[in-house]
Amino acid sequence: MRILDAITGGLERATVLDRPAALARSVVSTVLADRRVKDALHGVWLGHSLHPALAQLTVGSFTSAAVLDVTGTNTRGSSTLITVGLLSTPATVAAGWADYAESHEEQQRVGIVHAATNVTAVALFGISLLQRARGRSGRVTSVLGGTVAGAGAWLGGHLAYRQSLGPNQAESVPHTGPDDWQAIGPVADLPDGAAVCRRAGAADVLVVRRGGDVAVLSNRCPHLSAPLHDGDLDVASGEITCPWQGSVFRLDDGTVVHGPATAPVPEFATRVTDGVLEARVVTYPGVPAS
């Protein structure tokens, strides 16, 4: 375990990777300039990141093919799995690069190595399929491809679960926010048409007053926990843009308008008592807030 941590830690600190990582990010940002395409690849329509779901298909097909080639019992089945993996690769790669374009430096360093291992694995499986078309077994190349694909999957897991590239960062809010009414402050003291950060119990909340209407959401962007009150507020459209990665959310209910965030901002119920704004987290039925 310490050896694996040393490897990933070394990659995270490897500034020598910054130049190729920055170049890759620049190219991807240029290619994916259409925001609708980026939203689709991030998985905004799905409600969670698209890349892991596609990676399951691609990597699963490749590694299953390699296992069959280790045993040598089903070459035809192995070839079919390799073909499935190769056909699903473009969509998987596109979704992965879309997420990569919104990552920070340490994630980019690991990500560029993750991409390199995947390119190598795809090339090996492609060669294996060509070898079979020419009458050779292609088994050794397939097993090598499966080994490299496994290493790439391990780095992908590190990106997702250790470095939190993609997961919802605000999932805990409904479980830790106050489930009883908390005083935010006098409504008259809230600036009209401005985003401010206030406290509801132990939770930081985003408060926006628009005339007589007041919206209260968690102040944490679900993507990387950016403070939303520092973002750009569009009063006319009722939307706020994350100050770090540009995700856009509706003030009324926190739903995602544009990614890279795929999860909504947790919302707070509000009421006004004797001129004082009060809020409490909106929880799921039967689920305690703490």
Protein backbone atom coordinates (compact mmCIF):
# COMPACT_ATOMS: atom_id res chain seq x y z
CA MET A 1 0.00 0.00 0.00
CA ARG A 2 2.79 2.44 0.84
CA ILE A 3 4.45 1.65 -2.47
CA LEU A 4 1.25 2.47 -4.36
CA ASP A 5 0.80 5.68 -2.37
CA ALA A 6 4.39 6.61 -3.16
CA ILE A 7 3.74 6.12 -6.88
CA THR A 8 0.58 8.21 -6.97
CA GLY A 9 2.07 10.82 -4.66
CA GLY A 10 5.10 11.07 -6.92
CA LEU A 11 2.87 11.60 -9.95
CA GLU A 12 0.88 14.31 -8.16
CA ARG A 13 4.11 16.22 -7.42
CA ALA A 14 5.78 15.60 -10.80
CA THR A 15 5.96 19.12 -12.22
CA VAL A 16 7.73 17.69 -15.28
CA LEU A 17 4.26 16.55 -16.36
CA ASP A 18 2.85 20.08 -16.30
CA ARG A 19 3.86 20.99 -19.85
CA PRO A 20 2.24 18.01 -21.61
CA ALA A 21 -0.72 18.23 -19.24
CA ALA A 22 -1.27 21.92 -20.02
CA LEU A 23 -0.95 21.27 -23.75
CA ALA A 24 -3.52 18.49 -23.56
CA ARG A 25 -5.90 20.67 -21.58
CA SER A 26 -5.54 23.52 -24.10
CA VAL A 27 -6.28 21.21 -27.03
CA VAL A 28 -9.29 19.67 -25.30
CA SER A 29 -10.70 23.07 -24.35
CA THR A 30 -10.41 24.19 -27.97
CA VAL A 31 -11.99 21.04 -29.39
CA LEU A 32 -14.80 21.05 -26.82
CA ALA A 33 -15.64 24.74 -27.17
CA ASP A 34 -19.37 24.02 -27.57
CA ARG A 35 -20.82 24.08 -24.07
CA ARG A 36 -23.69 21.78 -25.02
CA VAL A 37 -21.22 19.10 -26.08
CA LYS A 38 -19.21 19.50 -22.86
CA ASP A 39 -22.36 19.25 -20.76
CA ALA A 40 -23.33 16.04 -22.54
CA LEU A 41 -19.87 14.54 -22.05
CA HIS A 42 -19.72 15.58 -18.38
CA GLY A 43 -23.04 13.79 -17.82
CA VAL A 44 -25.18 16.78 -16.79
CA TRP A 45 -28.16 15.09 -18.48
CA LEU A 46 -27.44 11.89 -16.54
CA GLY A 47 -27.12 13.49 -13.11
CA HIS A 48 -23.63 12.11 -12.52
CA SER A 49 -20.33 11.79 -14.35
CA LEU A 50 -20.59 9.95 -17.67
CA HIS A 51 -16.96 8.83 -17.93
CA PRO A 52 -16.97 6.15 -15.18
CA ALA A 53 -20.01 4.44 -16.70
CA LEU A 54 -18.39 4.31 -20.14
CA ALA A 55 -15.06 3.23 -18.63
CA GLN A 56 -16.78 0.23 -17.06
CA LEU A 57 -17.78 -0.97 -20.52
CA THR A 58 -14.44 -0.29 -22.18
CA VAL A 59 -12.10 -1.52 -19.45
CA GLY A 60 -14.40 -4.39 -18.57
CA SER A 61 -14.37 -5.59 -22.17
CA PHE A 62 -10.59 -5.31 -22.44
CA THR A 63 -9.77 -7.01 -19.15
CA SER A 64 -12.30 -9.79 -19.78
CA ALA A 65 -10.67 -10.42 -23.16
CA ALA A 66 -7.27 -10.61 -21.50
CA VAL A 67 -8.56 -13.14 -18.95
CA LEU A 68 -9.90 -15.33 -21.77
CA ASP A 69 -6.55 -15.11 -23.52
CA VAL A 70 -4.70 -16.12 -20.36
CA THR A 71 -6.75 -19.32 -20.25
CA GLY A 72 -6.73 -19.74 -24.03
CA THR A 73 -10.19 -21.27 -23.94
CA ASN A 74 -12.21 -18.84 -26.07
CA THR A 75 -10.26 -16.89 -28.65
CA ARG A 76 -13.40 -15.97 -30.56
CA GLY A 77 -15.02 -14.56 -27.43
CA SER A 78 -11.84 -12.65 -26.63
CA SER A 79 -11.81 -11.11 -30.10
CA THR A 80 -15.44 -10.05 -29.70
CA LEU A 81 -14.68 -8.39 -26.35
CA ILE A 82 -11.68 -6.57 -27.81
CA THR A 83 -13.87 -5.29 -30.64
CA VAL A 84 -16.48 -4.04 -28.15
CA GLY A 85 -13.76 -2.31 -26.14
CA LEU A 86 -12.31 -0.62 -29.21
CA LEU A 87 -15.74 0.52 -30.43
CA SER A 88 -16.58 2.06 -27.03
CA THR A 89 -13.18 3.73 -26.65
CA PRO A 90 -13.93 7.01 -28.54
CA ALA A 91 -16.92 7.90 -26.35
CA THR A 92 -15.06 6.91 -23.18
CA VAL A 93 -12.03 8.98 -24.15
CA ALA A 94 -14.15 12.01 -25.07
CA ALA A 95 -15.95 11.96 -21.71
CA GLY A 96 -12.67 11.49 -19.86
CA TRP A 97 -11.00 14.41 -21.61
CA ALA A 98 -14.01 16.63 -20.91
CA ASP A 99 -13.59 15.96 -17.17
CA TYR A 100 -9.82 16.39 -17.46
CA ALA A 101 -10.22 19.88 -18.92
CA GLU A 102 -11.82 21.02 -15.63
CA SER A 103 -9.23 19.44 -13.31
CA HIS A 104 -6.55 21.11 -11.18
CA GLU A 105 -2.79 20.66 -11.42
CA GLU A 106 -2.32 17.52 -9.32
CA GLN A 107 -5.24 15.84 -11.04
CA GLN A 108 -3.86 16.79 -14.45
CA ARG A 109 -0.48 15.20 -13.68
CA VAL A 110 -2.05 11.90 -12.73
CA GLY A 111 -4.59 12.27 -15.54
CA ILE A 112 -2.00 12.61 -18.30
CA VAL A 113 -0.31 9.39 -17.15
CA HIS A 114 -3.72 7.72 -16.90
CA ALA A 115 -4.37 8.76 -20.51
CA ALA A 116 -0.97 7.50 -21.64
CA THR A 117 -1.56 4.06 -20.14
CA ASN A 118 -4.97 3.89 -21.80
CA VAL A 119 -3.53 4.84 -25.20
CA THR A 120 -0.94 2.10 -24.78
CA ALA A 121 -3.58 -0.46 -23.82
CA VAL A 122 -5.80 0.44 -26.77
CA ALA A 123 -2.84 0.19 -29.13
CA LEU A 124 -1.93 -3.26 -27.78
CA PHE A 125 -5.46 -4.57 -28.16
CA GLY A 126 -5.65 -3.13 -31.67
CA ILE A 127 -2.41 -4.91 -32.57
CA SER A 128 -3.77 -8.13 -31.05
CA LEU A 129 -6.86 -7.92 -33.27
CA LEU A 130 -4.68 -7.31 -36.35
CA GLN A 131 -2.52 -10.30 -35.45
CA ARG A 132 -5.62 -12.49 -35.29
CA ALA A 133 -6.78 -11.22 -38.68
CA ARG A 134 -3.42 -12.41 -40.06
CA GLY A 135 -3.77 -15.85 -38.57
CA ARG A 136 -1.73 -15.38 -35.40
CA SER A 137 -3.09 -15.89 -31.87
CA GLY A 138 -2.51 -12.35 -30.56
CA ARG A 139 -2.88 -13.69 -27.05
CA VAL A 140 0.37 -12.31 -25.62
CA THR A 141 -0.38 -8.81 -26.91
CA SER A 142 -3.90 -9.03 -25.48
CA VAL A 143 -2.64 -10.04 -22.04
CA LEU A 144 -0.12 -7.18 -22.10
CA GLY A 145 -2.95 -4.82 -23.06
CA GLY A 146 -5.06 -6.09 -20.17
CA THR A 147 -2.19 -5.54 -17.74
CA VAL A 148 -1.67 -1.97 -18.91
CA ALA A 149 -5.43 -1.33 -18.90
CA GLY A 150 -5.54 -2.51 -15.29
CA ALA A 151 -2.83 -0.02 -14.35
CA GLY A 152 -4.78 2.71 -16.12
CA ALA A 153 -7.95 1.75 -14.27
CA TRP A 154 -6.07 1.93 -10.96
CA LEU A 155 -4.97 5.49 -11.78
CA GLY A 156 -8.52 6.32 -12.82
CA GLY A 157 -9.74 5.09 -9.45
CA HIS A 158 -7.15 7.27 -7.74
CA LEU A 159 -8.39 10.29 -9.70
CA ALA A 160 -12.00 9.61 -8.78
CA TYR A 161 -11.79 8.42 -5.19
CA ARG A 162 -8.60 9.97 -3.80
CA GLN A 163 -8.46 13.19 -5.81
CA SER A 164 -12.25 13.55 -6.15
CA LEU A 165 -12.36 14.30 -9.87
CA GLY A 166 -16.04 13.99 -10.70
CA PRO A 167 -17.85 12.96 -7.49
CA ASN A 168 -20.48 15.20 -5.90
CA GLN A 169 -18.84 17.28 -3.16
CA ALA A 170 -22.10 18.42 -1.55
CA GLU A 171 -23.81 15.07 -0.96
CA SER A 172 -23.30 15.33 2.80
CA VAL A 173 -25.13 18.65 3.17
CA PRO A 174 -28.66 17.17 3.57
CA HIS A 175 -27.30 14.89 6.30
CA THR A 176 -25.29 17.47 8.22
CA GLY A 177 -27.25 20.67 7.68
CA PRO A 178 -29.74 21.87 10.32
CA ASP A 179 -33.14 20.16 10.17
CA ASP A 180 -34.67 22.74 12.49
CA TRP A 181 -35.23 26.38 11.65
CA GLN A 182 -32.14 28.57 11.98
CA ALA A 183 -32.17 32.36 12.02
CA ILE A 184 -30.19 33.86 9.14
CA GLY A 185 -30.87 37.51 9.96
CA PRO A 186 -33.30 40.33 9.21
CA VAL A 187 -34.53 40.26 5.61
CA ALA A 188 -34.15 44.04 5.46
CA ASP A 189 -30.39 43.68 6.09
CA LEU A 190 -29.88 41.44 3.06
CA PRO A 191 -28.62 43.34 0.01
CA ASP A 192 -31.04 43.23 -2.91
CA GLY A 193 -29.70 41.51 -6.03
CA ALA A 194 -26.45 40.33 -4.44
CA ALA A 195 -25.07 36.94 -3.39
CA VAL A 196 -23.91 36.72 0.22
CA CYS A 197 -22.67 33.98 2.51
CA ARG A 198 -24.46 33.45 5.81
CA ARG A 199 -24.63 30.69 8.44
CA ALA A 200 -27.52 28.31 9.07
CA GLY A 201 -26.47 26.44 12.15
CA ALA A 202 -23.03 25.03 11.28
CA ALA A 203 -23.60 25.24 7.52
CA ASP A 204 -22.44 27.99 5.17
CA VAL A 205 -25.32 29.01 2.93
CA LEU A 206 -25.70 31.15 -0.17
CA VAL A 207 -28.41 33.78 0.27
CA VAL A 208 -29.78 35.84 -2.60
CA ARG A 209 -32.61 38.36 -2.14
CA ARG A 210 -34.44 39.45 -5.25
CA GLY A 211 -37.02 41.98 -4.15
CA GLY A 212 -39.42 40.09 -1.89
CA ASP A 213 -38.05 36.65 -2.80
CA VAL A 214 -35.13 35.07 -0.99
CA ALA A 215 -33.29 31.95 -2.17
CA VAL A 216 -31.08 29.93 0.16
CA LEU A 217 -28.78 27.17 -1.09
CA SER A 218 -25.68 25.46 0.21
CA ASN A 219 -22.68 27.70 -0.42
CA ARG A 220 -20.61 24.72 -1.66
CA CYS A 221 -20.45 23.98 -5.37
CA PRO A 222 -21.05 20.23 -5.79
CA HIS A 223 -18.12 19.97 -8.20
CA LEU A 224 -15.09 21.09 -6.17
CA SER A 225 -16.70 22.83 -3.17
CA ALA A 226 -16.07 26.36 -4.43
CA PRO A 227 -17.74 29.18 -2.44
CA LEU A 228 -20.72 30.05 -4.62
CA HIS A 229 -21.26 33.49 -3.11
CA ASP A 230 -18.06 34.56 -4.90
CA GLY A 231 -19.54 33.56 -8.26
CA ASP A 232 -21.25 35.65 -10.92
CA LEU A 233 -24.91 36.29 -10.15
CA ASP A 234 -27.41 36.80 -12.98
CA VAL A 235 -30.47 38.21 -11.28
CA ALA A 236 -32.51 38.37 -14.48
CA SER A 237 -32.14 34.67 -15.26
CA GLY A 238 -32.07 33.60 -11.62
CA GLU A 239 -28.74 31.79 -12.00
CA ILE A 240 -25.34 31.82 -10.34
CA THR A 241 -22.03 30.73 -11.88
CA CYS A 242 -19.36 28.91 -9.87
CA PRO A 243 -16.25 31.11 -9.44
CA TRP A 244 -13.82 28.24 -10.04
CA GLN A 245 -14.97 26.04 -12.92
CA GLY A 246 -17.96 27.89 -14.34
CA SER A 247 -20.80 25.53 -13.43
CA VAL A 248 -24.17 27.30 -13.56
CA PHE A 249 -27.05 26.64 -11.14
CA ARG A 250 -30.62 27.86 -10.77
CA LEU A 251 -31.23 29.83 -7.60
CA ASP A 252 -34.79 28.56 -7.14
CA ASP A 253 -33.87 24.91 -6.56
CA GLY A 254 -30.12 24.52 -7.17
CA THR A 255 -30.50 22.46 -10.35
CA VAL A 256 -27.59 22.31 -12.80
CA VAL A 257 -27.85 24.48 -15.91
CA HIS A 258 -24.30 23.89 -17.17
CA GLY A 259 -21.46 21.64 -15.98
CA PRO A 260 -18.88 20.45 -15.16
CA ALA A 261 -20.99 19.91 -12.03
CA THR A 262 -23.56 17.16 -12.51
CA ALA A 263 -25.26 17.22 -9.09
CA PRO A 264 -27.56 20.03 -7.90
CA VAL A 265 -26.71 22.41 -5.08
CA PRO A 266 -28.56 21.31 -1.91
CA GLU A 267 -31.44 23.68 -1.22
CA PHE A 268 -32.75 25.09 2.06
CA ALA A 269 -36.37 25.72 2.94
CA THR A 270 -37.06 29.30 4.05
CA ARG A 271 -39.59 31.28 6.05
CA VAL A 272 -39.76 34.77 7.48
CA THR A 273 -40.70 35.22 11.15
CA ASP A 274 -41.10 38.77 12.48
CA GLY A 275 -38.95 40.07 9.64
CA VAL A 276 -36.17 37.53 10.28
CA LEU A 277 -35.21 35.05 7.58
CA GLU A 278 -35.01 31.47 8.81
CA ALA A 279 -33.77 28.42 6.91
CA ARG A 280 -33.41 24.69 7.32
CA VAL A 281 -31.97 22.04 5.04
CA VAL A 282 -34.33 20.17 2.74
CA THR A 283 -33.93 16.51 3.69
CA TYR A 284 -35.23 13.33 2.12
CA PRO A 285 -38.26 11.75 3.85
CA GLY A 286 -37.12 9.49 6.67
CA VAL A 287 -33.50 10.60 6.48
CA PRO A 288 -32.26 12.60 9.49
CA ALA A 289 -30.18 15.69 8.85
CA SER A 290 -27.50 14.57 11.30
